[in-house]
């Protein structure tokens, strides 16, 4: 049986998607310069705070998921044959 290819199997499409995400990031960073953020805390007033905070949160989530996978993963034949 032949495996069905998806859009992400082509490296050209993956690069296009990455470029789109980076373009969106740049647009959001530029827009931040023109919007008053109404910060609750002093640290929120720094330019790019929300982008850095989101990146750190995302990376932390991935690291925690990798750790949980090692803790919770069972052997392939855990339920028997």
PDB file of N, CA and C in Angstrom:
ATOM      1  N   UNK A   1       0.843  -1.174   0.000  1.00  0.00           N
ATOM      2  CA  UNK A   1       0.000   0.000   0.000  1.00  0.00           C
ATOM      3  C   UNK A   1       0.890   1.240   0.000  1.00  0.00           C
ATOM      4  N   UNK A   2       0.626   2.153  -0.881  1.00  0.00           N
ATOM      5  CA  UNK A   2       1.429   3.358  -1.026  1.00  0.00           C
ATOM      6  C   UNK A   2       0.957   4.425  -0.033  1.00  0.00           C
ATOM      7  N   UNK A   3       1.930   5.057   0.610  1.00  0.00           N
ATOM      8  CA  UNK A   3       1.611   6.111   1.578  1.00  0.00           C
ATOM      9  C   UNK A   3       1.146   7.367   0.840  1.00  0.00           C
ATOM     10  N   UNK A   4       0.064   7.939   1.323  1.00  0.00           N
ATOM     11  CA  UNK A   4      -0.460   9.161   0.720  1.00  0.00           C
ATOM     12  C   UNK A   4       0.355  10.357   1.202  1.00  0.00           C
ATOM     13  N   UNK A   5       0.819  11.167   0.282  1.00  0.00           N
ATOM     14  CA  UNK A   5       1.629  12.334   0.624  1.00  0.00           C
ATOM     15  C   UNK A   5       0.734  13.473   1.093  1.00  0.00           C
ATOM     16  N   UNK A   6       1.259  14.244   2.033  1.00  0.00           N
ATOM     17  CA  UNK A   6       0.544  15.423   2.523  1.00  0.00           C
ATOM     18  C   UNK A   6       1.287  16.669   2.080  1.00  0.00           C
ATOM     19  N   UNK A   7       0.717  17.801   2.376  1.00  0.00           N
ATOM     20  CA  UNK A   7       1.325  19.068   1.993  1.00  0.00           C
ATOM     21  C   UNK A   7       2.677  19.284   2.696  1.00  0.00           C
ATOM     22  N   UNK A   8       2.841  18.702   3.878  1.00  0.00           N
ATOM     23  CA  UNK A   8       4.062  18.903   4.652  1.00  0.00           C
ATOM     24  C   UNK A   8       5.190  17.958   4.251  1.00  0.00           C
ATOM     25  N   UNK A   9       4.945  17.034   3.356  1.00  0.00           N
ATOM     26  CA  UNK A   9       5.997  16.131   2.890  1.00  0.00           C
ATOM     27  C   UNK A   9       6.925  16.794   1.878  1.00  0.00           C
ATOM     28  N   UNK A  10       6.496  17.891   1.309  1.00  0.00           N
ATOM     29  CA  UNK A  10       7.310  18.620   0.348  1.00  0.00           C
ATOM     30  C   UNK A  10       8.076  19.726   1.089  1.00  0.00           C
ATOM     31  N   UNK A  11       9.424  19.681   1.108  1.00  0.00           N
ATOM     32  CA  UNK A  11      10.209  20.707   1.815  1.00  0.00           C
ATOM     33  C   UNK A  11       9.949  22.121   1.310  1.00  0.00           C
ATOM     34  N   UNK A  12       9.590  22.253   0.044  1.00  0.00           N
ATOM     35  CA  UNK A  12       9.295  23.574  -0.516  1.00  0.00           C
ATOM     36  C   UNK A  12       8.074  24.197   0.175  1.00  0.00           C
ATOM     37  N   UNK A  13       7.065  23.381   0.441  1.00  0.00           N
ATOM     38  CA  UNK A  13       5.866  23.874   1.128  1.00  0.00           C
ATOM     39  C   UNK A  13       6.165  24.241   2.575  1.00  0.00           C
ATOM     40  N   UNK A  14       7.038  23.470   3.220  1.00  0.00           N
ATOM     41  CA  UNK A  14       7.397  23.758   4.606  1.00  0.00           C
ATOM     42  C   UNK A  14       8.126  25.096   4.689  1.00  0.00           C
ATOM     43  N   UNK A  15       9.034  25.359   3.739  1.00  0.00           N
ATOM     44  CA  UNK A  15       9.748  26.640   3.717  1.00  0.00           C
ATOM     45  C   UNK A  15       8.776  27.790   3.481  1.00  0.00           C
ATOM     46  N   UNK A  16       7.802  27.588   2.609  1.00  0.00           N
ATOM     47  CA  UNK A  16       6.796  28.634   2.376  1.00  0.00           C
ATOM     48  C   UNK A  16       6.012  28.925   3.651  1.00  0.00           C
ATOM     49  N   UNK A  17       5.652  27.886   4.356  1.00  0.00           N
ATOM     50  CA  UNK A  17       4.908  28.053   5.607  1.00  0.00           C
ATOM     51  C   UNK A  17       5.747  28.791   6.644  1.00  0.00           C
ATOM     52  N   UNK A  18       7.024  28.445   6.745  1.00  0.00           N
ATOM     53  CA  UNK A  18       7.922  29.138   7.673  1.00  0.00           C
ATOM     54  C   UNK A  18       8.039  30.614   7.318  1.00  0.00           C
ATOM     55  N   UNK A  19       8.201  30.908   6.038  1.00  0.00           N
ATOM     56  CA  UNK A  19       8.290  32.308   5.610  1.00  0.00           C
ATOM     57  C   UNK A  19       7.012  33.059   5.953  1.00  0.00           C
ATOM     58  N   UNK A  20       5.866  32.402   5.800  1.00  0.00           N
ATOM     59  CA  UNK A  20       4.597  33.025   6.163  1.00  0.00           C
ATOM     60  C   UNK A  20       4.504  33.324   7.651  1.00  0.00           C
ATOM     61  N   UNK A  21       4.967  32.391   8.475  1.00  0.00           N
ATOM     62  CA  UNK A  21       4.956  32.619   9.920  1.00  0.00           C
ATOM     63  C   UNK A  21       5.892  33.761  10.315  1.00  0.00           C
ATOM     64  N   UNK A  22       7.072  33.794   9.699  1.00  0.00           N
ATOM     65  CA  UNK A  22       8.011  34.875   9.994  1.00  0.00           C
ATOM     66  C   UNK A  22       7.462  36.224   9.527  1.00  0.00           C
ATOM     67  N   UNK A  23       6.792  36.244   8.393  1.00  0.00           N
ATOM     68  CA  UNK A  23       6.181  37.488   7.914  1.00  0.00           C
ATOM     69  C   UNK A  23       5.091  37.953   8.881  1.00  0.00           C
ATOM     70  N   UNK A  24       4.290  37.023   9.384  1.00  0.00           N
ATOM     71  CA  UNK A  24       3.253  37.369  10.357  1.00  0.00           C
ATOM     72  C   UNK A  24       3.879  37.915  11.641  1.00  0.00           C
ATOM     73  N   UNK A  25       4.988  37.310  12.071  1.00  0.00           N
ATOM     74  CA  UNK A  25       5.678  37.791  13.266  1.00  0.00           C
ATOM     75  C   UNK A  25       6.169  39.217  13.067  1.00  0.00           C
ATOM     76  N   UNK A  26       6.756  39.487  11.914  1.00  0.00           N
ATOM     77  CA  UNK A  26       7.254  40.839  11.631  1.00  0.00           C
ATOM     78  C   UNK A  26       6.097  41.830  11.609  1.00  0.00           C
ATOM     79  N   UNK A  27       4.981  41.463  10.998  1.00  0.00           N
ATOM     80  CA  UNK A  27       3.822  42.357  10.955  1.00  0.00           C
ATOM     81  C   UNK A  27       3.280  42.656  12.352  1.00  0.00           C
ATOM     82  N   UNK A  28       3.240  41.654  13.201  1.00  0.00           N
ATOM     83  CA  UNK A  28       2.752  41.857  14.561  1.00  0.00           C
ATOM     84  C   UNK A  28       3.715  42.746  15.343  1.00  0.00           C
ATOM     85  N   UNK A  29       5.016  42.546  15.138  1.00  0.00           N
ATOM     86  CA  UNK A  29       6.003  43.378  15.836  1.00  0.00           C
ATOM     87  C   UNK A  29       5.918  44.839  15.364  1.00  0.00           C
ATOM     88  N   UNK A  30       5.702  45.046  14.074  1.00  0.00           N
ATOM     89  CA  UNK A  30       5.551  46.408  13.550  1.00  0.00           C
ATOM     90  C   UNK A  30       4.266  47.032  14.091  1.00  0.00           C
ATOM     91  N   UNK A  31       3.196  46.260  14.135  1.00  0.00           N
ATOM     92  CA  UNK A  31       1.923  46.776  14.640  1.00  0.00           C
ATOM     93  C   UNK A  31       2.022  47.158  16.113  1.00  0.00           C
ATOM     94  N   UNK A  32       2.863  46.458  16.858  1.00  0.00           N
ATOM     95  CA  UNK A  32       3.012  46.761  18.284  1.00  0.00           C
ATOM     96  C   UNK A  32       3.543  48.172  18.499  1.00  0.00           C
ATOM     97  N   UNK A  33       4.301  48.683  17.556  1.00  0.00           N
ATOM     98  CA  UNK A  33       4.851  50.034  17.683  1.00  0.00           C
ATOM     99  C   UNK A  33       3.750  51.096  17.602  1.00  0.00           C
ATOM    100  N   UNK A  34       2.611  50.766  17.000  1.00  0.00           N
ATOM    101  CA  UNK A  34       1.550  51.744  16.795  1.00  0.00           C
ATOM    102  C   UNK A  34       0.343  51.547  17.716  1.00  0.00           C
ATOM    103  N   UNK A  35       0.379  50.549  18.591  1.00  0.00           N
ATOM    104  CA  UNK A  35      -0.758  50.246  19.454  1.00  0.00           C
ATOM    105  C   UNK A  35      -0.374  50.466  20.915  1.00  0.00           C
ATOM    106  N   UNK A  36      -1.235  51.146  21.660  1.00  0.00           N
ATOM    107  CA  UNK A  36      -1.014  51.309  23.096  1.00  0.00           C
ATOM    108  C   UNK A  36      -1.493  50.043  23.795  1.00  0.00           C
ATOM    109  N   UNK A  37      -0.581  49.363  24.504  1.00  0.00           N
ATOM    110  CA  UNK A  37      -0.875  48.038  25.042  1.00  0.00           C
ATOM    111  C   UNK A  37      -1.596  48.058  26.401  1.00  0.00           C
ATOM    112  N   UNK A  38      -1.691  49.187  27.082  1.00  0.00           N
ATOM    113  CA  UNK A  38      -2.340  49.294  28.387  1.00  0.00           C
ATOM    114  C   UNK A  38      -1.797  48.232  29.353  1.00  0.00           C
ATOM    115  N   UNK A  39      -0.530  48.320  29.639  1.00  0.00           N
ATOM    116  CA  UNK A  39       0.147  47.304  30.442  1.00  0.00           C
ATOM    117  C   UNK A  39      -0.285  47.368  31.901  1.00  0.00           C
ATOM    118  N   UNK A  40      -0.457  46.201  32.491  1.00  0.00           N
ATOM    119  CA  UNK A  40      -0.763  46.089  33.913  1.00  0.00           C
ATOM    120  C   UNK A  40       0.512  46.157  34.750  1.00  0.00           C
ATOM    121  N   UNK A  41       1.586  45.562  34.219  1.00  0.00           N
ATOM    122  CA  UNK A  41       2.858  45.504  34.930  1.00  0.00           C
ATOM    123  C   UNK A  41       3.927  46.230  34.127  1.00  0.00           C
ATOM    124  N   UNK A  42       4.964  46.665  34.801  1.00  0.00           N
ATOM    125  CA  UNK A  42       6.041  47.437  34.173  1.00  0.00           C
ATOM    126  C   UNK A  42       6.728  46.653  33.049  1.00  0.00           C
ATOM    127  N   UNK A  43       6.921  45.365  33.241  1.00  0.00           N
ATOM    128  CA  UNK A  43       7.660  44.555  32.273  1.00  0.00           C
ATOM    129  C   UNK A  43       6.911  44.456  30.938  1.00  0.00           C
ATOM    130  N   UNK A  44       5.606  44.593  30.947  1.00  0.00           N
ATOM    131  CA  UNK A  44       4.805  44.486  29.731  1.00  0.00           C
ATOM    132  C   UNK A  44       5.004  45.668  28.791  1.00  0.00           C
ATOM    133  N   UNK A  45       5.612  46.731  29.257  1.00  0.00           N
ATOM    134  CA  UNK A  45       5.802  47.916  28.432  1.00  0.00           C
ATOM    135  C   UNK A  45       7.004  47.801  27.497  1.00  0.00           C
ATOM    136  N   UNK A  46       7.865  46.814  27.687  1.00  0.00           N
ATOM    137  CA  UNK A  46       9.021  46.645  26.814  1.00  0.00           C
ATOM    138  C   UNK A  46       8.575  46.206  25.423  1.00  0.00           C
ATOM    139  N   UNK A  47       9.223  46.772  24.412  1.00  0.00           N
ATOM    140  CA  UNK A  47       8.881  46.430  23.030  1.00  0.00           C
ATOM    141  C   UNK A  47       9.199  44.961  22.770  1.00  0.00           C
ATOM    142  N   UNK A  48       8.237  44.238  22.249  1.00  0.00           N
ATOM    143  CA  UNK A  48       8.429  42.830  21.920  1.00  0.00           C
ATOM    144  C   UNK A  48       8.237  41.893  23.096  1.00  0.00           C
ATOM    145  N   UNK A  49       7.736  42.395  24.210  1.00  0.00           N
ATOM    146  CA  UNK A  49       7.554  41.552  25.395  1.00  0.00           C
ATOM    147  C   UNK A  49       6.652  40.358  25.104  1.00  0.00           C
ATOM    148  N   UNK A  50       5.531  40.599  24.438  1.00  0.00           N
ATOM    149  CA  UNK A  50       4.567  39.524  24.207  1.00  0.00           C
ATOM    150  C   UNK A  50       5.113  38.478  23.238  1.00  0.00           C
ATOM    151  N   UNK A  51       5.932  38.895  22.290  1.00  0.00           N
ATOM    152  CA  UNK A  51       6.553  37.932  21.373  1.00  0.00           C
ATOM    153  C   UNK A  51       7.547  37.056  22.123  1.00  0.00           C
ATOM    154  N   UNK A  52       8.362  37.664  22.968  1.00  0.00           N
ATOM    155  CA  UNK A  52       9.343  36.896  23.752  1.00  0.00           C
ATOM    156  C   UNK A  52       8.629  35.990  24.749  1.00  0.00           C
ATOM    157  N   UNK A  53       7.620  36.519  25.412  1.00  0.00           N
ATOM    158  CA  UNK A  53       6.850  35.729  26.372  1.00  0.00           C
ATOM    159  C   UNK A  53       6.190  34.526  25.695  1.00  0.00           C
ATOM    160  N   UNK A  54       5.607  34.739  24.527  1.00  0.00           N
ATOM    161  CA  UNK A  54       4.974  33.651  23.791  1.00  0.00           C
ATOM    162  C   UNK A  54       5.987  32.600  23.353  1.00  0.00           C
ATOM    163  N   UNK A  55       7.156  33.046  22.897  1.00  0.00           N
ATOM    164  CA  UNK A  55       8.193  32.111  22.469  1.00  0.00           C
ATOM    165  C   UNK A  55       8.677  31.260  23.636  1.00  0.00           C
ATOM    166  N   UNK A  56       8.939  31.907  24.764  1.00  0.00           N
ATOM    167  CA  UNK A  56       9.399  31.172  25.953  1.00  0.00           C
ATOM    168  C   UNK A  56       8.323  30.194  26.423  1.00  0.00           C
ATOM    169  N   UNK A  57       7.067  30.608  26.383  1.00  0.00           N
ATOM    170  CA  UNK A  57       5.969  29.723  26.781  1.00  0.00           C
ATOM    171  C   UNK A  57       5.874  28.520  25.851  1.00  0.00           C
ATOM    172  N   UNK A  58       6.019  28.759  24.556  1.00  0.00           N
ATOM    173  CA  UNK A  58       5.940  27.676  23.572  1.00  0.00           C
ATOM    174  C   UNK A  58       7.068  26.672  23.766  1.00  0.00           C
ATOM    175  N   UNK A  59       8.290  27.165  23.915  1.00  0.00           N
ATOM    176  CA  UNK A  59       9.439  26.274  24.104  1.00  0.00           C
ATOM    177  C   UNK A  59       9.297  25.500  25.411  1.00  0.00           C
ATOM    178  N   UNK A  60       8.837  26.162  26.459  1.00  0.00           N
ATOM    179  CA  UNK A  60       8.632  25.481  27.745  1.00  0.00           C
ATOM    180  C   UNK A  60       7.591  24.375  27.616  1.00  0.00           C
ATOM    181  N   UNK A  61       6.523  24.646  26.897  1.00  0.00           N
ATOM    182  CA  UNK A  61       5.477  23.641  26.697  1.00  0.00           C
ATOM    183  C   UNK A  61       6.024  22.414  25.979  1.00  0.00           C
ATOM    184  N   UNK A  62       6.860  22.621  24.968  1.00  0.00           N
ATOM    185  CA  UNK A  62       7.456  21.507  24.233  1.00  0.00           C
ATOM    186  C   UNK A  62       8.385  20.702  25.140  1.00  0.00           C
ATOM    187  N   UNK A  63       9.208  21.386  25.931  1.00  0.00           N
ATOM    188  CA  UNK A  63      10.138  20.692  26.830  1.00  0.00           C
ATOM    189  C   UNK A  63       9.386  19.876  27.885  1.00  0.00           C
ATOM    190  N   UNK A  64       8.331  20.439  28.438  1.00  0.00           N
ATOM    191  CA  UNK A  64       7.524  19.717  29.429  1.00  0.00           C
ATOM    192  C   UNK A  64       6.859  18.504  28.785  1.00  0.00           C
ATOM    193  N   UNK A  65       6.382  18.653  27.552  1.00  0.00           N
ATOM    194  CA  UNK A  65       5.747  17.529  26.853  1.00  0.00           C
ATOM    195  C   UNK A  65       6.754  16.406  26.604  1.00  0.00           C
ATOM    196  N   UNK A  66       7.987  16.755  26.253  1.00  0.00           N
ATOM    197  CA  UNK A  66       9.017  15.732  26.045  1.00  0.00           C
ATOM    198  C   UNK A  66       9.323  14.999  27.346  1.00  0.00           C
ATOM    199  N   UNK A  67       9.381  15.733  28.446  1.00  0.00           N
ATOM    200  CA  UNK A  67       9.631  15.122  29.745  1.00  0.00           C
ATOM    201  C   UNK A  67       8.473  14.201  30.134  1.00  0.00           C
ATOM    202  N   UNK A  68       7.244  14.657  29.950  1.00  0.00           N
ATOM    203  CA  UNK A  68       6.080  13.838  30.274  1.00  0.00           C
ATOM    204  C   UNK A  68       6.021  12.581  29.416  1.00  0.00           C
ATOM    205  N   UNK A  69       6.457  12.690  28.173  1.00  0.00           N
ATOM    206  CA  UNK A  69       6.471  11.517  27.294  1.00  0.00           C
ATOM    207  C   UNK A  69       7.385  10.439  27.859  1.00  0.00           C
ATOM    208  N   UNK A  70       8.544  10.839  28.379  1.00  0.00           N
ATOM    209  CA  UNK A  70       9.471   9.867  28.958  1.00  0.00           C
ATOM    210  C   UNK A  70       8.889   9.226  30.215  1.00  0.00           C
ATOM    211  N   UNK A  71       8.145  10.004  30.967  1.00  0.00           N
ATOM    212  CA  UNK A  71       7.568   9.502  32.218  1.00  0.00           C
ATOM    213  C   UNK A  71       6.364   8.600  31.956  1.00  0.00           C
ATOM    214  N   UNK A  72       5.483   8.989  31.026  1.00  0.00           N
ATOM    215  CA  UNK A  72       4.209   8.301  30.835  1.00  0.00           C
ATOM    216  C   UNK A  72       4.214   7.231  29.752  1.00  0.00           C
ATOM    217  N   UNK A  73       5.218   7.209  28.897  1.00  0.00           N
ATOM    218  CA  UNK A  73       5.218   6.281  27.770  1.00  0.00           C
ATOM    219  C   UNK A  73       5.359   4.836  28.234  1.00  0.00           C
ATOM    220  N   UNK A  74       4.580   3.965  27.616  1.00  0.00           N
ATOM    221  CA  UNK A  74       4.621   2.532  27.912  1.00  0.00           C
ATOM    222  C   UNK A  74       5.279   1.801  26.756  1.00  0.00           C
ATOM    223  N   UNK A  75       5.707   0.566  27.036  1.00  0.00           N
ATOM    224  CA  UNK A  75       6.314  -0.258  25.979  1.00  0.00           C
ATOM    225  C   UNK A  75       5.269  -0.570  24.922  1.00  0.00           C
ATOM    226  N   UNK A  76       5.758  -0.904  23.734  1.00  0.00           N
ATOM    227  CA  UNK A  76       4.873  -1.162  22.611  1.00  0.00           C
ATOM    228  C   UNK A  76       3.915  -2.309  22.882  1.00  0.00           C
ATOM    229  N   UNK A  77       4.374  -3.325  23.605  1.00  0.00           N
ATOM    230  CA  UNK A  77       3.519  -4.483  23.887  1.00  0.00           C
ATOM    231  C   UNK A  77       2.923  -4.437  25.293  1.00  0.00           C
ATOM    232  N   UNK A  78       2.655  -3.252  25.799  1.00  0.00           N
ATOM    233  CA  UNK A  78       2.135  -3.060  27.145  1.00  0.00           C
ATOM    234  C   UNK A  78       0.806  -3.793  27.357  1.00  0.00           C
ATOM    235  N   UNK A  79      -0.065  -3.777  26.365  1.00  0.00           N
ATOM    236  CA  UNK A  79      -1.376  -4.412  26.485  1.00  0.00           C
ATOM    237  C   UNK A  79      -1.379  -5.860  25.982  1.00  0.00           C
ATOM    238  N   UNK A  80      -0.232  -6.386  25.695  1.00  0.00           N
ATOM    239  CA  UNK A  80      -0.162  -7.761  25.212  1.00  0.00           C
ATOM    240  C   UNK A  80       0.048  -7.798  23.713  1.00  0.00           C
ATOM    241  N   UNK A  81      -0.196  -8.974  23.140  1.00  0.00           N
ATOM    242  CA  UNK A  81       0.005  -9.139  21.700  1.00  0.00           C
ATOM    243  C   UNK A  81      -1.061  -8.384  20.990  1.00  0.00           C
TER     244      UNK A  81
END
